Amino acid sequence: WYLQFEASKGYAAKADVAIDDFSLSPECFGI
């Protein structure tokens, strides 16, 4: 999951990026 990966690298530093990846990663929901 991109969200987990980005969060591990630095959620606070890349909050916006994490949100973008989350939106671009529907696989997390299994859609």
N, C-alpha and C. Protein backbone atom coordinates (compact mmCIF):
# COMPACT_ATOMS: atom_id res chain seq x y z
N TRP A 1 0.84 -1.21 0.00
CA TRP A 1 0.00 0.00 0.00
C TRP A 1 0.87 1.25 0.00
N TYR A 2 0.56 2.14 -0.90
CA TYR A 2 1.33 3.38 -0.98
C TYR A 2 1.19 4.20 0.30
N LEU A 3 -0.03 4.19 0.87
CA LEU A 3 -0.27 4.97 2.08
C LEU A 3 0.68 4.54 3.19
N GLN A 4 0.79 3.24 3.42
CA GLN A 4 1.68 2.72 4.45
C GLN A 4 3.14 3.07 4.12
N PHE A 5 3.52 2.91 2.85
CA PHE A 5 4.89 3.18 2.44
C PHE A 5 5.26 4.65 2.67
N GLU A 6 4.40 5.55 2.22
CA GLU A 6 4.65 6.97 2.40
C GLU A 6 4.65 7.33 3.88
N ALA A 7 3.74 6.74 4.63
CA ALA A 7 3.66 7.03 6.06
C ALA A 7 4.96 6.63 6.75
N SER A 8 5.52 5.51 6.33
CA SER A 8 6.77 5.03 6.93
C SER A 8 7.92 5.99 6.62
N LYS A 9 7.95 6.52 5.40
CA LYS A 9 9.03 7.43 4.99
C LYS A 9 8.90 8.77 5.70
N GLY A 10 7.67 9.25 5.85
CA GLY A 10 7.49 10.54 6.52
C GLY A 10 6.11 11.11 6.23
N TYR A 11 5.13 10.69 7.00
CA TYR A 11 3.75 11.15 6.77
C TYR A 11 3.64 12.66 7.00
N ALA A 12 4.30 13.15 8.03
CA ALA A 12 4.22 14.57 8.34
C ALA A 12 4.87 15.41 7.23
N ALA A 13 5.97 14.91 6.67
CA ALA A 13 6.70 15.64 5.65
C ALA A 13 6.00 15.54 4.29
N LYS A 14 5.31 14.43 4.07
CA LYS A 14 4.66 14.22 2.77
C LYS A 14 3.18 13.93 2.95
N ALA A 15 2.51 14.76 3.73
CA ALA A 15 1.08 14.56 3.98
C ALA A 15 0.30 14.67 2.68
N ASP A 16 0.57 15.73 1.90
CA ASP A 16 -0.14 15.94 0.64
C ASP A 16 0.17 14.81 -0.34
N VAL A 17 1.43 14.42 -0.42
CA VAL A 17 1.84 13.35 -1.33
C VAL A 17 1.16 12.05 -0.95
N ALA A 18 1.09 11.79 0.35
CA ALA A 18 0.47 10.55 0.85
C ALA A 18 -1.00 10.53 0.43
N ILE A 19 -1.66 11.68 0.54
CA ILE A 19 -3.07 11.77 0.17
C ILE A 19 -3.23 11.50 -1.32
N ASP A 20 -2.33 12.08 -2.13
CA ASP A 20 -2.40 11.88 -3.58
C ASP A 20 -2.21 10.40 -3.92
N ASP A 21 -1.20 9.78 -3.32
CA ASP A 21 -0.94 8.36 -3.57
C ASP A 21 -2.13 7.52 -3.13
N PHE A 22 -2.72 7.89 -2.01
CA PHE A 22 -3.86 7.15 -1.49
C PHE A 22 -5.02 7.20 -2.49
N SER A 23 -5.25 8.38 -3.06
CA SER A 23 -6.32 8.56 -4.04
C SER A 23 -6.00 7.80 -5.32
N LEU A 24 -4.72 7.75 -5.67
CA LEU A 24 -4.31 7.09 -6.90
C LEU A 24 -4.09 5.59 -6.70
N SER A 25 -4.32 5.12 -5.47
CA SER A 25 -4.13 3.70 -5.18
C SER A 25 -5.42 3.03 -4.69
N PRO A 26 -6.37 2.80 -5.59
CA PRO A 26 -7.63 2.13 -5.23
C PRO A 26 -7.40 0.68 -4.86
N GLU A 27 -6.20 0.16 -5.17
CA GLU A 27 -5.89 -1.24 -4.86
C GLU A 27 -5.96 -1.48 -3.35
N CYS A 28 -5.71 -0.44 -2.58
CA CYS A 28 -5.76 -0.59 -1.12
C CYS A 28 -7.15 -1.03 -0.69
N PHE A 29 -8.16 -0.51 -1.40
CA PHE A 29 -9.54 -0.87 -1.07
C PHE A 29 -9.92 -2.20 -1.70
N GLY A 30 -9.12 -2.65 -2.66
CA GLY A 30 -9.42 -3.91 -3.32
C GLY A 30 -10.44 -3.73 -4.43
N ILE A 31 -10.54 -2.50 -4.94
CA ILE A 31 -11.51 -2.22 -6.02
C ILE A 31 -10.95 -2.72 -7.34
